[in-house]
Amino acid sequence: MYNKFNYLLCMLLIVICCSWGFYAHKKINHAAVFTLPTQLAAFYKKHIDVITEKAVDADKRCYVDSLESPRHFIDVEEYEDGHVDAIPIHWSQAVEKFQERKLRANGIVPWQIYFTYQKLVKAFREKNTDAIIRHSADLGHYVSDAHVPLHTTRNYNGQLTGQIGIHAFWESRLPEMFADDYNLFVGKARYLDSPLDSAWAIIRESNALVDSVLLFEKELSSTFPKHLQRSYITRNNILISTYSDAYANAYHQRMQGMVEDRMRKSIQRTGSYWFSAWVDAGQPSLKGKFKADQNEGTSDIQQGKIIGREEWH
């Protein structure tokens, strides 16, 4: 009974604390497959179930790898003038200016996108099916995380403004409630001339939305009846307190499509990163048998304690 309770509690924490939420991450990776050109889409559609399922592996690794958590965010305010342009975009230059310890303490998601992109290019060149699937899933995860405004600020869970809980509210609760009504057909993937520059462009977009994410909820909480702001829902047979449906709907309307827009951009850009990696690898033929490796990823991680910031995972 004790082990069963620990398992349920752990899985509940993963669902509540993971970035974008398991539901949204899987939906993003799944939809991104349909942005790809025919030759590439054939391979991804063949493996769409596993690429969808592995969309959350990066979050699960936060339970076993102390280096994983910083790969999901960047605290822009921790740098000079609190502005993203104060940060060198190239890893080597950033390390020289700030030291690697500071970079990792403040999050490295834009660089992690590029690191994972390079791994995917290598996997395509080597025609390694398992590696292509694994790095595609991870790349989609990091690209999607970068689209979440609260992944770009030290006030990541509203803890500095009396809004604790807003992180999971924005990126998990709202997509779970409303994503089925979103238009997630986003058109074709595009070739990215500079994957690293593209990653930083995403960060700039997201960071520019931080004030709105926090201000809209702060304004709403001051006018919405207090006793109607919270409710209880059941997850994995555990009753938890969360924002009410009525409050979530009001906040969602106040943002005027922001969550849908960030999801749509996550999908289109995830597909663009996959497509660009394939092009940069020389557009290898994806027919026939590829070689495989023995790394099965982390889909079977089921328990443990999150190492790092829980709100990111």
Protein backbone atom coordinates (compact mmCIF):
# COMPACT_ATOMS: atom_id res chain seq x y z
CA MET A 1 0.00 0.00 0.00
CA TYR A 2 2.85 2.41 0.91
CA ASN A 3 4.63 1.79 -2.39
CA LYS A 4 1.39 2.24 -4.31
CA PHE A 5 0.73 5.54 -2.55
CA ASN A 6 4.25 6.77 -3.31
CA TYR A 7 3.84 5.84 -6.96
CA LEU A 8 0.51 7.66 -7.26
CA LEU A 9 1.88 10.71 -5.46
CA CYS A 10 4.93 10.78 -7.71
CA MET A 11 2.90 10.51 -10.89
CA LEU A 12 0.57 13.22 -9.62
CA LEU A 13 3.54 15.54 -9.03
CA ILE A 14 4.81 14.84 -12.54
CA VAL A 15 1.45 15.72 -14.08
CA ILE A 16 0.99 18.85 -11.96
CA CYS A 17 4.54 20.19 -12.19
CA CYS A 18 5.68 19.24 -15.66
CA SER A 19 6.28 21.96 -18.22
CA TRP A 20 3.28 22.49 -20.57
CA GLY A 21 1.81 19.41 -18.89
CA PHE A 22 2.06 15.87 -20.27
CA TYR A 23 -1.11 16.40 -22.29
CA ALA A 24 0.11 19.52 -24.08
CA HIS A 25 3.65 18.26 -24.73
CA LYS A 26 2.33 15.10 -26.34
CA LYS A 27 -0.22 17.06 -28.37
CA ILE A 28 2.51 19.42 -29.65
CA ASN A 29 4.87 16.65 -30.76
CA HIS A 30 2.01 14.73 -32.37
CA ALA A 31 0.75 17.75 -34.31
CA ALA A 32 4.28 18.73 -35.41
CA VAL A 33 4.55 15.53 -37.44
CA PHE A 34 1.88 16.86 -39.80
CA THR A 35 3.92 19.98 -40.63
CA LEU A 36 6.61 17.92 -42.36
CA PRO A 37 7.15 17.42 -46.11
CA THR A 38 6.12 14.07 -47.57
CA GLN A 39 9.49 12.30 -47.54
CA LEU A 40 10.18 13.20 -43.94
CA ALA A 41 6.59 12.83 -42.78
CA ALA A 42 6.53 9.18 -43.82
CA PHE A 43 9.26 8.35 -41.30
CA TYR A 44 7.74 10.46 -38.51
CA LYS A 45 4.23 9.10 -39.06
CA LYS A 46 5.62 5.57 -38.82
CA HIS A 47 7.00 6.45 -35.39
CA ILE A 48 4.40 9.02 -34.34
CA ASP A 49 3.18 7.08 -31.31
CA VAL A 50 6.62 6.77 -29.71
CA ILE A 51 7.62 10.35 -30.58
CA THR A 52 4.37 11.48 -28.97
CA GLU A 53 4.90 9.33 -25.89
CA LYS A 54 8.53 10.38 -25.49
CA ALA A 55 7.57 14.06 -25.59
CA VAL A 56 7.64 14.00 -21.78
CA ASP A 57 10.88 12.05 -21.26
CA ALA A 58 12.83 15.25 -20.63
CA ASP A 59 10.54 16.07 -17.71
CA LYS A 60 10.89 12.57 -16.29
CA ARG A 61 14.68 12.86 -16.36
CA CYS A 62 14.40 15.65 -13.81
CA TYR A 63 13.86 12.89 -11.24
CA VAL A 64 17.22 11.25 -11.87
CA ASP A 65 19.53 13.85 -13.44
CA SER A 66 20.57 17.01 -11.59
CA LEU A 67 21.66 18.59 -14.89
CA GLU A 68 18.23 18.26 -16.52
CA SER A 69 16.19 20.95 -14.77
CA PRO A 70 18.16 23.97 -16.11
CA ARG A 71 17.58 22.76 -19.67
CA HIS A 72 13.93 23.80 -19.46
CA PHE A 73 14.16 27.52 -18.63
CA ILE A 74 16.22 30.71 -18.51
CA ASP A 75 15.90 33.49 -15.92
CA VAL A 76 16.49 36.54 -18.08
CA GLU A 77 16.41 39.02 -15.17
CA GLU A 78 19.52 37.47 -13.63
CA TYR A 79 21.66 39.10 -16.30
CA GLU A 80 22.77 42.67 -16.95
CA ASP A 81 19.84 45.10 -17.13
CA GLY A 82 17.49 42.13 -16.93
CA HIS A 83 17.34 42.06 -20.71
CA VAL A 84 17.80 39.09 -23.00
CA ASP A 85 20.09 41.04 -25.32
CA ALA A 86 22.69 41.25 -22.52
CA ILE A 87 23.30 37.52 -22.93
CA PRO A 88 25.68 36.34 -25.69
CA ILE A 89 23.81 33.88 -27.87
CA HIS A 90 26.79 31.59 -28.40
CA TRP A 91 27.52 29.21 -25.54
CA SER A 92 31.29 29.70 -25.60
CA GLN A 93 30.94 33.50 -25.44
CA ALA A 94 28.33 33.27 -22.68
CA VAL A 95 30.61 30.98 -20.64
CA GLU A 96 33.48 33.38 -21.10
CA LYS A 97 31.37 36.32 -19.93
CA PHE A 98 29.39 34.76 -17.08
CA GLN A 99 30.97 31.36 -16.24
CA GLU A 100 29.18 28.07 -16.80
CA ARG A 101 28.03 27.73 -13.19
CA LYS A 102 25.99 30.94 -13.42
CA LEU A 103 24.54 29.98 -16.78
CA ARG A 104 23.33 26.63 -15.52
CA ALA A 105 21.97 28.14 -12.31
CA ASN A 106 19.88 30.56 -14.36
CA GLY A 107 18.78 28.06 -17.01
CA ILE A 108 20.07 27.17 -20.47
CA VAL A 109 17.01 26.33 -22.59
CA PRO A 110 17.99 28.30 -25.76
CA TRP A 111 21.40 26.62 -25.85
CA GLN A 112 19.85 23.25 -25.01
CA ILE A 113 17.60 23.58 -28.06
CA TYR A 114 20.70 24.03 -30.20
CA PHE A 115 22.66 21.24 -28.50
CA THR A 116 19.76 18.82 -29.07
CA TYR A 117 19.36 20.04 -32.63
CA GLN A 118 23.00 19.14 -33.31
CA LYS A 119 22.42 15.68 -31.86
CA LEU A 120 19.46 15.21 -34.18
CA VAL A 121 21.53 16.24 -37.22
CA LYS A 122 24.14 13.65 -36.22
CA ALA A 123 21.46 10.99 -35.73
CA PHE A 124 20.11 11.63 -39.24
CA ARG A 125 23.59 11.41 -40.74
CA GLU A 126 24.20 8.11 -38.97
CA LYS A 127 20.72 6.85 -39.86
CA ASN A 128 20.16 5.83 -36.25
CA THR A 129 16.43 5.30 -35.82
CA ASP A 130 16.41 5.23 -32.03
CA ALA A 131 18.52 8.36 -31.77
CA ILE A 132 16.38 10.23 -34.32
CA ILE A 133 13.25 9.40 -32.34
CA ARG A 134 14.82 10.24 -28.98
CA HIS A 135 16.35 13.55 -30.03
CA SER A 136 13.26 14.56 -32.02
CA ALA A 137 11.09 14.02 -28.94
CA ASP A 138 13.48 15.94 -26.70
CA LEU A 139 13.91 18.76 -29.20
CA GLY A 140 10.15 19.20 -29.40
CA HIS A 141 10.02 19.34 -25.62
CA TYR A 142 12.69 22.04 -25.24
CA VAL A 143 11.32 24.11 -28.13
CA SER A 144 7.87 23.98 -26.55
CA ASP A 145 9.18 24.93 -23.11
CA ALA A 146 10.88 28.00 -24.59
CA HIS A 147 7.45 29.18 -25.81
CA VAL A 148 6.12 29.38 -22.23
CA PRO A 149 6.56 32.94 -20.89
CA LEU A 150 7.07 31.78 -17.31
CA HIS A 151 10.07 29.73 -18.45
CA THR A 152 11.95 32.98 -19.05
CA THR A 153 11.67 34.66 -15.65
CA ARG A 154 12.88 34.16 -12.08
CA ASN A 155 9.26 34.82 -11.01
CA TYR A 156 8.47 31.49 -12.64
CA ASN A 157 5.64 30.53 -10.30
CA GLY A 158 4.40 33.94 -9.26
CA GLN A 159 6.26 33.50 -5.96
CA LEU A 160 7.53 37.10 -6.10
CA THR A 161 4.11 38.64 -6.75
CA GLY A 162 1.82 36.57 -4.54
CA GLN A 163 0.62 34.39 -7.41
CA ILE A 164 1.99 31.00 -6.43
CA GLY A 165 0.53 28.29 -8.65
CA ILE A 166 0.23 30.36 -11.80
CA HIS A 167 2.89 28.29 -13.57
CA ALA A 168 0.94 25.04 -13.69
CA PHE A 169 -2.27 27.04 -14.14
CA TRP A 170 -1.06 28.69 -17.36
CA GLU A 171 0.79 25.82 -18.99
CA SER A 172 -1.09 22.74 -17.75
CA ARG A 173 -4.60 23.52 -16.55
CA LEU A 174 -5.54 25.85 -19.41
CA PRO A 175 -4.32 23.60 -22.26
CA GLU A 176 -6.04 20.60 -20.68
CA MET A 177 -9.30 22.54 -20.56
CA PHE A 178 -9.20 24.34 -23.90
CA ALA A 179 -6.70 22.77 -26.34
CA ASP A 180 -9.31 20.52 -27.94
CA ASP A 181 -10.91 23.72 -29.25
CA TYR A 182 -7.67 25.19 -30.60
CA ASN A 183 -6.80 25.24 -34.28
CA LEU A 184 -3.55 23.28 -34.25
CA PHE A 185 -3.20 22.95 -38.02
CA VAL A 186 -0.32 25.38 -38.46
CA GLY A 187 0.92 24.87 -42.00
CA LYS A 188 4.24 23.58 -43.25
CA ALA A 189 7.56 23.39 -41.47
CA ARG A 190 10.17 25.87 -42.68
CA TYR A 191 13.93 25.60 -42.99
CA LEU A 192 15.72 27.51 -40.24
CA ASP A 193 18.80 29.33 -41.50
CA SER A 194 20.14 29.65 -37.95
CA PRO A 195 18.65 27.26 -35.39
CA LEU A 196 20.47 29.04 -32.56
CA ASP A 197 19.17 32.48 -33.56
CA SER A 198 15.69 30.98 -33.86
CA ALA A 199 15.90 29.64 -30.30
CA TRP A 200 16.77 33.09 -28.98
CA ALA A 201 13.97 34.67 -31.01
CA ILE A 202 11.55 32.35 -29.21
CA ILE A 203 12.95 33.41 -25.84
CA ARG A 204 12.52 37.09 -26.71
CA GLU A 205 8.90 36.49 -27.72
CA SER A 206 8.12 34.58 -24.55
CA ASN A 207 9.86 37.01 -22.24
CA ALA A 208 7.91 39.91 -23.73
CA LEU A 209 4.70 38.19 -22.58
CA VAL A 210 5.69 37.65 -18.93
CA ASP A 211 4.17 40.89 -17.65
CA SER A 212 0.85 40.17 -19.35
CA VAL A 213 0.66 36.62 -17.99
CA LEU A 214 1.13 37.90 -14.44
CA LEU A 215 -0.84 41.15 -14.71
CA PHE A 216 -3.95 39.60 -16.24
CA GLU A 217 -4.18 37.03 -13.45
CA LYS A 218 -3.46 39.63 -10.75
CA GLU A 219 -6.22 41.90 -12.08
CA LEU A 220 -8.65 39.03 -12.37
CA SER A 221 -7.99 37.77 -8.84
CA SER A 222 -8.84 41.20 -7.44
CA THR A 223 -12.28 41.31 -9.08
CA PHE A 224 -13.35 37.66 -9.27
CA PRO A 225 -15.23 36.43 -6.14
CA LYS A 226 -12.64 34.82 -3.87
CA HIS A 227 -14.82 31.87 -2.91
CA LEU A 228 -15.28 30.99 -6.60
CA GLN A 229 -11.62 31.05 -7.59
CA ARG A 230 -10.72 27.57 -6.35
CA SER A 231 -12.25 24.11 -6.66
CA TYR A 232 -11.28 20.48 -6.24
CA ILE A 233 -10.53 17.91 -8.92
CA THR A 234 -9.51 14.26 -8.72
CA ARG A 235 -6.26 13.05 -10.32
CA ASN A 236 -5.20 9.43 -10.00
CA ASN A 237 -7.79 9.00 -7.25
CA ILE A 238 -6.31 11.89 -5.25
CA LEU A 239 -8.38 14.99 -4.49
CA ILE A 240 -6.44 18.22 -5.11
CA SER A 241 -7.21 21.93 -4.93
CA THR A 242 -6.88 23.88 -8.15
CA TYR A 243 -8.31 26.89 -9.97
CA SER A 244 -12.01 26.56 -10.71
CA ASP A 245 -13.31 26.08 -14.23
CA ALA A 246 -15.03 29.47 -14.09
CA TYR A 247 -11.84 31.25 -13.01
CA ALA A 248 -9.77 29.40 -15.62
CA ASN A 249 -12.26 30.35 -18.32
CA ALA A 250 -12.16 34.02 -17.29
CA TYR A 251 -8.35 34.07 -17.28
CA HIS A 252 -8.21 32.27 -20.61
CA GLN A 253 -10.56 34.81 -22.19
CA ARG A 254 -8.61 37.72 -20.75
CA MET A 255 -5.43 36.52 -22.48
CA GLN A 256 -7.21 36.63 -25.86
CA GLY A 257 -5.69 33.53 -27.43
CA MET A 258 -2.19 33.71 -25.96
CA VAL A 259 -2.03 30.05 -24.90
CA GLU A 260 -3.33 28.85 -28.25
CA ASP A 261 -0.84 31.07 -30.10
CA ARG A 262 2.10 29.76 -28.09
CA MET A 263 0.99 26.17 -28.70
CA ARG A 264 0.59 26.79 -32.42
CA LYS A 265 4.05 28.35 -32.65
CA SER A 266 5.48 25.44 -30.63
CA ILE A 267 4.06 23.00 -33.16
CA GLN A 268 5.20 24.85 -36.26
CA ARG A 269 8.69 25.47 -34.92
CA THR A 270 9.14 21.95 -33.61
CA GLY A 271 8.42 20.69 -37.11
CA SER A 272 10.79 23.30 -38.53
CA TYR A 273 13.62 22.17 -36.26
CA TRP A 274 13.07 18.53 -37.27
CA PHE A 275 12.93 19.43 -40.94
CA SER A 276 16.02 21.67 -40.75
CA ALA A 277 18.03 18.96 -38.97
CA TRP A 278 17.19 16.53 -41.75
CA VAL A 279 18.19 19.07 -44.41
CA ASP A 280 21.44 19.90 -42.62
CA ALA A 281 22.20 16.19 -42.42
CA GLY A 282 22.06 16.00 -46.22
CA GLN A 283 18.44 14.87 -46.56
CA PRO A 284 19.24 11.17 -46.10
CA SER A 285 16.83 8.61 -47.46
CA LEU A 286 14.61 7.37 -44.66
CA LYS A 287 13.54 4.18 -46.40
CA GLY A 288 14.81 0.77 -45.42
CA LYS A 289 16.29 -0.30 -42.11
CA PHE A 290 18.23 2.13 -40.02
CA LYS A 291 20.62 1.06 -37.33
CA ALA A 292 19.44 1.20 -33.73
CA ASP A 293 21.14 1.84 -30.43
CA GLN A 294 20.61 0.49 -26.96
CA ASN A 295 19.51 3.71 -25.27
CA GLU A 296 15.79 3.35 -24.72
CA GLY A 297 15.38 6.77 -23.12
CA THR A 298 13.53 7.41 -19.87
CA SER A 299 9.92 6.57 -20.58
CA ASP A 300 9.86 3.99 -17.79
CA ILE A 301 10.88 6.37 -14.99
CA GLN A 302 7.99 6.27 -12.54
CA GLN A 303 9.16 7.50 -9.18
CA GLY A 304 11.65 9.62 -7.36
CA LYS A 305 12.10 13.21 -6.22
CA ILE A 306 12.43 16.07 -8.68
CA ILE A 307 15.96 17.46 -8.68
CA GLY A 308 15.70 21.21 -9.22
CA ARG A 309 12.74 23.52 -9.74
CA GLU A 310 9.52 21.55 -9.56
CA GLU A 311 7.56 24.14 -11.49
CA TRP A 312 9.53 23.36 -14.62
CA HIS A 313 8.71 19.69 -14.74
